[in-house]
Amino acid sequence: MKTSFKAMLGAFGLLTVVSFCAAKPLEWIVVKTPHFSVFTQGNAREAQAWATDLERFRIALGQFLPVAPARLTPVEVVIFPNGRQFAPYEQLEGGKPSATAGYFVPLEVVGAMALERNGANSDLVRRSIFQGAAYWISAARGEVLPYWLEAGMARVFSTFTADAKTFTVGDEIESDVRYLRVDGVPDPRFLLSAQRGKIDFEDPKQTRRFYTGSWLLVHWLTFGAKETAAHGAQPVDFTKPGQDPDDLSRAAFGADCATLRQWLRDYLLGGRYKRARLPLPAEPLGLAAPRKATEAEVEYALGVLLLGVQRPQEGLPHLIRATELDTKSALGWETLGLAQLNLNHRPEALAAFDHAIEAGSMNQKVWAARAVLQREKH
């Protein structure tokens, strides 16, 4: 069958139009809650599911670490459709992209969370997200927790799942259990005396020992300590440096560190890891209906992600563009000002803080930083 040259051109033109239409990126959709702005491309149900999970997590952990909702910083959540689009916003390790397909990083006035869709539902990614969310809640309390307690609780809650009425925590983290059974239970003296900024996180073995040991200690306290003298022990201030770990252990758990280590070893080898299913308090989640995101909202979210992965120079153009598009966003100006300050762009930071206060900012950090910059100027 013969086909005319004109018909061939027409067919090619149609194919070209279809091809271009297929290549056009999907618009960004946002689902907002009182604490989260969840962005996704062309998949509103996905955004709603994550917004629901995150709000349920906030409610669940609030039963253990109560915090006034108003103290929680807002969180920008971006779900990327593929690895190519996620790559510019990945966390870096040693200057190279990490292998993790998701993260949750609390910042000064906002939180950053990103996911790559293909890996978003893996156990590892979900644990990473909920572990970061636990630190977000802990930071909002304004109370310094013992380092091992904060780290261990974040890890225990990282296995969080929930439905409309109940939530579960405390599942075994298989990689932690395997490591502890091979490497041995860390000395509680190491865990109880750990202070923020004092752990050498450049040492992978020390880092692994601290986090797995903290997980085991908090898991045992939550689910196994009733079988020992530690049941009913009184709270102890672990945060003061220079205290004797054995004295702390006796006061908190009813035994010295050597005995505590044996209890932890027995718990580990016994394998009695309990998964707690508890009622989820009936609290409104506050999910808004999905809608098309504005350009300002998307630019701001992308800028926040780059701050979260410690690339403020790359995030700056996004934040500047967001404030150009939405001049009345106090949070936008606050974030831009703090980013400029972190880069030591002091005049630009002062200008951004001035705009933030004009827009109604009541953030104490912003007011304090602005006062310092004004004194420097004069």
Protein backbone atom coordinates (compact mmCIF):
# COMPACT_ATOMS: atom_id res chain seq x y z
CA MET A 1 0.00 0.00 0.00
CA LYS A 2 1.39 3.39 -1.02
CA THR A 3 1.42 6.34 1.33
CA SER A 4 1.83 9.92 0.10
CA PHE A 5 4.69 12.08 1.27
CA LYS A 6 2.15 14.57 2.67
CA ALA A 7 0.46 11.82 4.68
CA MET A 8 3.80 10.69 6.00
CA LEU A 9 4.58 14.24 7.13
CA GLY A 10 1.16 14.45 8.76
CA ALA A 11 1.76 11.19 10.62
CA PHE A 12 5.23 12.34 11.67
CA GLY A 13 3.79 15.64 12.86
CA LEU A 14 1.17 13.83 14.92
CA LEU A 15 3.78 11.56 16.43
CA THR A 16 5.95 14.57 17.20
CA VAL A 17 3.09 16.31 18.99
CA VAL A 18 2.28 13.16 20.97
CA SER A 19 5.96 12.73 21.82
CA PHE A 20 6.25 16.31 23.06
CA CYS A 21 3.07 15.97 25.09
CA ALA A 22 4.36 12.79 26.68
CA ALA A 23 7.63 14.48 27.57
CA LYS A 24 5.93 17.44 29.25
CA PRO A 25 6.53 17.16 33.02
CA LEU A 26 3.53 16.57 35.21
CA GLU A 27 2.45 19.48 37.37
CA TRP A 28 3.27 19.50 41.06
CA ILE A 29 0.43 18.64 43.42
CA VAL A 30 0.52 19.56 47.10
CA VAL A 31 -1.34 18.12 50.08
CA LYS A 32 -1.09 20.27 53.21
CA THR A 33 -1.62 19.44 56.87
CA PRO A 34 -1.00 21.64 59.92
CA HIS A 35 2.64 20.42 59.96
CA PHE A 36 3.52 19.09 56.49
CA SER A 37 3.42 20.25 52.87
CA VAL A 38 3.69 17.12 50.71
CA PHE A 39 4.54 17.63 47.03
CA THR A 40 4.27 15.02 44.30
CA GLN A 41 3.92 14.97 40.53
CA GLY A 42 0.69 13.52 39.25
CA ASN A 43 -0.07 11.25 42.22
CA ALA A 44 -2.31 12.91 44.79
CA ARG A 45 -3.09 9.61 46.52
CA GLU A 46 0.61 9.10 47.22
CA ALA A 47 0.88 12.55 48.80
CA GLN A 48 -2.22 11.94 50.91
CA ALA A 49 -0.85 8.59 52.13
CA TRP A 50 2.44 10.10 53.29
CA ALA A 51 0.73 13.12 54.87
CA THR A 52 -1.52 10.72 56.78
CA ASP A 53 1.38 8.55 57.96
CA LEU A 54 3.43 11.53 59.09
CA GLU A 55 0.60 13.11 61.08
CA ARG A 56 -0.20 9.75 62.68
CA PHE A 57 3.47 9.37 63.61
CA ARG A 58 3.41 12.81 65.26
CA ILE A 59 0.37 11.82 67.30
CA ALA A 60 1.80 8.41 68.25
CA LEU A 61 5.24 9.59 69.38
CA GLY A 62 3.54 12.43 71.23
CA GLN A 63 2.27 9.82 73.68
CA PHE A 64 5.90 9.16 74.68
CA LEU A 65 7.44 12.59 74.03
CA PRO A 66 4.67 15.16 74.55
CA VAL A 67 5.18 18.41 72.67
CA ALA A 68 2.86 21.33 71.98
CA PRO A 69 1.96 21.17 68.26
CA ALA A 70 2.70 24.89 67.90
CA ARG A 71 6.36 24.23 68.79
CA LEU A 72 6.85 21.93 65.80
CA THR A 73 8.53 23.49 62.78
CA PRO A 74 6.73 23.00 59.42
CA VAL A 75 8.18 20.33 57.13
CA GLU A 76 8.54 20.45 53.34
CA VAL A 77 8.13 16.97 51.83
CA VAL A 78 8.95 16.28 48.16
CA ILE A 79 8.31 12.91 46.50
CA PHE A 80 10.33 12.68 43.30
CA PRO A 81 9.00 10.42 40.52
CA ASN A 82 12.37 8.86 39.66
CA GLY A 83 16.03 8.72 40.57
CA ARG A 84 17.04 11.22 37.91
CA GLN A 85 14.92 14.00 39.41
CA PHE A 86 15.84 12.99 42.97
CA ALA A 87 19.61 12.99 42.29
CA PRO A 88 20.21 16.78 42.62
CA TYR A 89 18.65 16.69 46.10
CA GLU A 90 20.30 13.54 47.48
CA GLN A 91 22.26 13.53 50.71
CA LEU A 92 26.01 13.37 50.22
CA GLU A 93 28.50 11.17 52.04
CA GLY A 94 32.11 12.11 51.48
CA GLY A 95 31.04 14.35 48.61
CA LYS A 96 29.23 11.51 46.84
CA PRO A 97 25.50 10.71 46.70
CA SER A 98 24.38 8.36 49.46
CA ALA A 99 22.57 5.14 48.62
CA THR A 100 19.49 6.15 50.65
CA ALA A 101 16.36 6.93 48.62
CA GLY A 102 14.86 9.18 51.30
CA TYR A 103 15.63 11.38 54.30
CA PHE A 104 14.06 13.61 56.95
CA VAL A 105 16.25 16.44 58.28
CA PRO A 106 15.08 18.90 60.96
CA LEU A 107 16.41 22.45 60.41
CA GLU A 108 16.16 25.70 62.38
CA VAL A 109 12.80 27.01 61.16
CA VAL A 110 11.67 24.24 58.81
CA GLY A 111 12.22 20.55 58.15
CA ALA A 112 13.29 18.88 54.88
CA MET A 113 12.05 15.49 53.71
CA ALA A 114 12.61 13.92 50.30
CA LEU A 115 11.76 10.57 48.74
CA GLU A 116 12.44 8.83 45.46
CA ARG A 117 9.22 7.12 44.48
CA ASN A 118 10.69 3.75 43.50
CA GLY A 119 12.38 3.34 46.88
CA ALA A 120 9.87 5.23 49.01
CA ASN A 121 8.16 2.17 50.46
CA SER A 122 11.23 0.11 51.29
CA ASP A 123 11.72 -0.71 54.97
CA LEU A 124 15.09 1.07 55.00
CA VAL A 125 13.68 4.31 53.62
CA ARG A 126 10.65 4.29 55.89
CA ARG A 127 12.89 3.70 58.91
CA SER A 128 15.12 6.58 57.84
CA ILE A 129 12.10 8.89 57.48
CA PHE A 130 10.52 8.04 60.83
CA GLN A 131 13.87 8.13 62.60
CA GLY A 132 14.37 11.69 61.34
CA ALA A 133 10.81 12.58 62.33
CA ALA A 134 11.52 11.40 65.88
CA TYR A 135 14.46 13.83 66.10
CA TRP A 136 12.18 16.57 64.72
CA ILE A 137 9.72 16.00 67.57
CA SER A 138 12.46 15.67 70.18
CA ALA A 139 14.05 18.97 69.10
CA ALA A 140 10.72 20.79 69.43
CA ARG A 141 10.43 19.91 73.12
CA GLY A 142 13.20 22.30 74.09
CA GLU A 143 14.47 19.70 76.57
CA VAL A 144 17.83 18.01 76.18
CA LEU A 145 17.36 14.24 76.36
CA PRO A 146 20.21 11.83 77.10
CA TYR A 147 21.91 11.19 73.78
CA TRP A 148 21.45 7.41 73.98
CA LEU A 149 17.77 7.80 74.86
CA GLU A 150 17.02 10.14 71.96
CA ALA A 151 18.92 7.97 69.47
CA GLY A 152 17.46 4.71 70.80
CA MET A 153 13.88 5.99 70.86
CA ALA A 154 14.21 7.29 67.30
CA ARG A 155 15.41 3.85 66.21
CA VAL A 156 12.69 1.95 68.11
CA PHE A 157 10.03 4.23 66.57
CA SER A 158 11.56 3.93 63.10
CA THR A 159 9.54 0.73 62.54
CA PHE A 160 6.28 2.67 62.99
CA THR A 161 3.13 1.58 61.17
CA ALA A 162 -0.45 2.73 61.77
CA ASP A 163 -4.04 2.56 60.68
CA ALA A 164 -6.93 4.80 61.67
CA LYS A 165 -7.22 3.35 65.18
CA THR A 166 -3.89 1.78 66.21
CA PHE A 167 -0.15 2.09 65.73
CA THR A 168 2.72 -0.36 66.19
CA VAL A 169 6.36 0.16 67.17
CA GLY A 170 9.20 -2.01 68.38
CA ASP A 171 9.74 -4.39 65.47
CA GLU A 172 13.14 -6.07 65.40
CA ILE A 173 15.68 -4.29 63.20
CA GLU A 174 17.37 -7.34 61.75
CA SER A 175 20.59 -5.58 60.75
CA ASP A 176 21.06 -4.26 64.29
CA VAL A 177 20.45 -7.65 65.85
CA ARG A 178 22.89 -9.38 63.47
CA TYR A 179 25.56 -6.77 64.17
CA LEU A 180 25.15 -6.99 67.97
CA ARG A 181 25.24 -10.79 67.94
CA VAL A 182 28.52 -10.75 66.03
CA ASP A 183 30.21 -7.67 67.51
CA GLY A 184 28.81 -8.04 71.03
CA VAL A 185 26.71 -5.75 73.23
CA PRO A 186 28.48 -2.39 73.71
CA ASP A 187 29.67 -1.49 77.18
CA PRO A 188 26.88 0.60 78.82
CA ARG A 189 29.63 2.94 80.07
CA PHE A 190 30.14 3.98 76.44
CA LEU A 191 26.41 4.52 75.87
CA LEU A 192 25.53 6.29 79.12
CA SER A 193 28.48 8.70 78.99
CA ALA A 194 27.99 9.67 75.32
CA GLN A 195 27.52 13.41 74.87
CA ARG A 196 26.38 15.33 71.81
CA GLY A 197 29.26 16.20 69.54
CA LYS A 198 31.59 13.81 71.34
CA ILE A 199 30.89 10.66 69.30
CA ASP A 200 33.42 10.30 66.49
CA PHE A 201 31.01 9.78 63.61
CA GLU A 202 33.97 9.61 61.23
CA ASP A 203 34.59 6.19 62.79
CA PRO A 204 31.98 3.84 61.24
CA LYS A 205 32.44 1.17 63.90
CA GLN A 206 31.95 3.57 66.79
CA THR A 207 28.90 5.05 65.08
CA ARG A 208 27.38 1.60 64.51
CA ARG A 209 28.08 0.53 68.09
CA PHE A 210 26.43 3.65 69.49
CA TYR A 211 23.22 3.44 67.43
CA THR A 212 22.71 -0.31 67.69
CA GLY A 213 23.52 -0.26 71.40
CA SER A 214 21.13 2.64 72.00
CA TRP A 215 18.40 0.77 70.11
CA LEU A 216 18.93 -2.33 72.27
CA LEU A 217 18.97 -0.37 75.53
CA VAL A 218 15.78 1.58 74.76
CA HIS A 219 14.03 -1.51 73.37
CA TRP A 220 14.90 -3.41 76.54
CA LEU A 221 13.76 -0.53 78.76
CA THR A 222 10.47 -0.32 76.90
CA PHE A 223 9.67 -4.02 76.63
CA GLY A 224 11.99 -6.06 78.86
CA ALA A 225 13.06 -4.09 81.92
CA LYS A 226 10.06 -5.21 84.00
CA GLU A 227 11.88 -8.53 84.38
CA THR A 228 14.76 -6.84 86.24
CA ALA A 229 15.46 -4.43 89.08
CA ALA A 230 15.29 -1.58 86.52
CA HIS A 231 11.50 -1.80 86.51
CA GLY A 232 10.18 1.29 88.25
CA ALA A 233 13.57 3.01 88.52
CA GLN A 234 13.59 6.77 88.97
CA PRO A 235 14.60 9.27 86.23
CA VAL A 236 18.24 10.35 86.28
CA ASP A 237 19.92 13.35 84.64
CA PHE A 238 22.33 11.72 82.18
CA THR A 239 23.13 14.98 80.40
CA LYS A 240 25.69 16.36 82.88
CA PRO A 241 29.20 15.53 81.63
CA GLY A 242 31.76 13.90 83.90
CA GLN A 243 29.39 11.63 85.84
CA ASP A 244 30.40 8.09 86.69
CA PRO A 245 28.50 5.68 84.38
CA ASP A 246 28.22 3.03 87.10
CA ASP A 247 26.62 5.52 89.48
CA LEU A 248 24.17 6.53 86.73
CA SER A 249 23.37 2.90 85.96
CA ARG A 250 22.74 2.03 89.62
CA ALA A 251 20.50 5.07 90.09
CA ALA A 252 18.53 4.55 86.87
CA PHE A 253 18.45 0.78 86.45
CA GLY A 254 19.27 -0.67 89.87
CA ALA A 255 22.58 -2.28 88.87
CA ASP A 256 26.09 -1.36 87.75
CA CYS A 257 27.13 -1.29 84.09
CA ALA A 258 28.51 -4.83 84.12
CA THR A 259 25.18 -6.23 85.32
CA LEU A 260 23.25 -4.02 82.91
CA ARG A 261 25.38 -5.33 80.05
CA GLN A 262 24.54 -8.90 81.05
CA TRP A 263 20.84 -8.08 81.11
CA LEU A 264 21.10 -6.58 77.64
CA ARG A 265 23.07 -9.59 76.38
CA ASP A 266 20.43 -11.98 77.76
CA TYR A 267 17.68 -9.91 76.15
CA LEU A 268 19.49 -9.89 72.81
CA LEU A 269 20.22 -13.62 72.77
CA GLY A 270 16.75 -14.47 74.08
CA GLY A 271 15.21 -12.83 71.02
CA ARG A 272 12.06 -11.73 72.86
CA TYR A 273 11.48 -8.63 70.77
CA LYS A 274 7.97 -7.36 71.28
CA ARG A 275 5.96 -5.40 68.78
CA ALA A 276 3.64 -3.08 70.67
CA ARG A 277 0.23 -2.35 69.20
CA LEU A 278 -1.30 0.65 70.92
CA PRO A 279 -4.42 2.77 70.40
CA LEU A 280 -3.91 5.86 68.26
CA PRO A 281 -5.54 8.87 69.94
CA ALA A 282 -8.50 10.21 68.01
CA GLU A 283 -7.07 13.53 66.81
CA PRO A 284 -7.97 15.23 63.51
CA LEU A 285 -5.17 14.92 60.97
CA GLY A 286 -6.11 18.14 59.23
CA LEU A 287 -5.43 17.00 55.64
CA ALA A 288 -6.42 19.58 53.04
CA ALA A 289 -7.68 18.51 49.62
CA PRO A 290 -4.98 18.01 46.97
CA ARG A 291 -4.42 21.03 44.73
CA LYS A 292 -1.99 22.35 42.15
CA ALA A 293 1.10 23.76 43.87
CA THR A 294 2.14 27.31 43.10
CA GLU A 295 5.56 28.04 41.63
CA ALA A 296 6.53 29.83 44.85
CA GLU A 297 5.63 26.77 46.94
CA VAL A 298 7.66 24.42 44.76
CA GLU A 299 10.69 26.74 44.63
CA TYR A 300 10.62 27.10 48.41
CA ALA A 301 10.36 23.33 48.97
CA LEU A 302 13.28 22.60 46.62
CA GLY A 303 15.38 25.27 48.31
CA VAL A 304 14.65 23.77 51.73
CA LEU A 305 15.73 20.32 50.54
CA LEU A 306 19.10 21.70 49.45
CA LEU A 307 19.53 23.34 52.85
CA GLY A 308 18.69 19.98 54.41
CA VAL A 309 21.50 18.23 52.53
CA GLN A 310 23.92 21.04 53.42
CA ARG A 311 24.10 22.65 50.00
CA PRO A 312 22.91 26.20 50.85
CA GLN A 313 24.69 27.80 47.89
CA GLU A 314 22.60 25.66 45.53
CA GLY A 315 19.42 26.24 47.54
CA LEU A 316 19.77 30.02 47.56
CA PRO A 317 18.42 30.69 44.02
CA HIS A 318 15.29 28.64 44.80
CA LEU A 319 14.68 30.53 48.06
CA ILE A 320 15.27 33.91 46.41
CA ARG A 321 12.85 33.02 43.63
CA ALA A 322 10.26 31.85 46.18
CA THR A 323 10.37 35.19 48.03
CA GLU A 324 10.17 37.09 44.73
CA LEU A 325 6.98 35.19 43.90
CA ASP A 326 5.49 35.38 47.40
CA THR A 327 6.67 38.54 49.16
CA LYS A 328 4.30 38.07 52.10
CA SER A 329 5.60 34.68 53.30
CA ALA A 330 7.27 35.26 56.66
CA LEU A 331 8.61 31.69 56.65
CA GLY A 332 10.08 32.17 53.19
CA TRP A 333 11.99 35.27 54.29
CA GLU A 334 13.07 33.61 57.56
CA THR A 335 14.51 30.64 55.70
CA LEU A 336 16.24 32.84 53.13
CA GLY A 337 17.73 34.99 55.89
CA LEU A 338 19.12 32.01 57.79
CA ALA A 339 20.55 30.56 54.57
CA GLN A 340 22.26 33.88 53.78
CA LEU A 341 23.59 34.07 57.33
CA ASN A 342 24.99 30.52 57.15
CA LEU A 343 26.84 31.58 54.00
CA ASN A 344 28.07 34.71 55.85
CA HIS A 345 26.15 36.99 53.48
CA ARG A 346 25.38 39.36 56.33
CA PRO A 347 23.81 42.38 54.56
CA GLU A 348 21.58 40.07 52.53
CA ALA A 349 20.60 38.18 55.69
CA LEU A 350 19.64 41.41 57.46
CA ALA A 351 17.51 42.49 54.51
CA ALA A 352 15.72 39.12 54.48
CA PHE A 353 15.09 39.27 58.24
CA ASP A 354 13.66 42.78 57.85
CA HIS A 355 11.24 41.43 55.23
CA ALA A 356 10.37 38.50 57.51
CA ILE A 357 9.43 40.81 60.37
CA GLU A 358 7.44 43.06 58.04
CA ALA A 359 5.57 39.91 56.98
CA GLY A 360 4.72 39.13 60.63
CA SER A 361 7.53 36.82 61.78
CA MET A 362 7.52 36.11 65.51
CA ASN A 363 10.45 33.69 65.42
CA GLN A 364 12.82 34.49 68.29
CA LYS A 365 15.87 33.21 66.40
CA VAL A 366 15.12 35.60 63.55
CA TRP A 367 14.66 38.59 65.86
CA ALA A 368 17.86 37.75 67.76
CA ALA A 369 19.92 37.31 64.59
CA ARG A 370 18.51 40.55 63.16
CA ALA A 371 19.46 42.47 66.33
CA VAL A 372 23.05 41.22 66.09
CA LEU A 373 23.26 42.17 62.42
CA GLN A 374 21.85 45.62 63.09
CA ARG A 375 24.45 46.25 65.80
CA GLU A 376 27.19 45.18 63.40
CA LYS A 377 25.85 47.57 60.77
CA HIS A 378 25.94 50.55 63.11
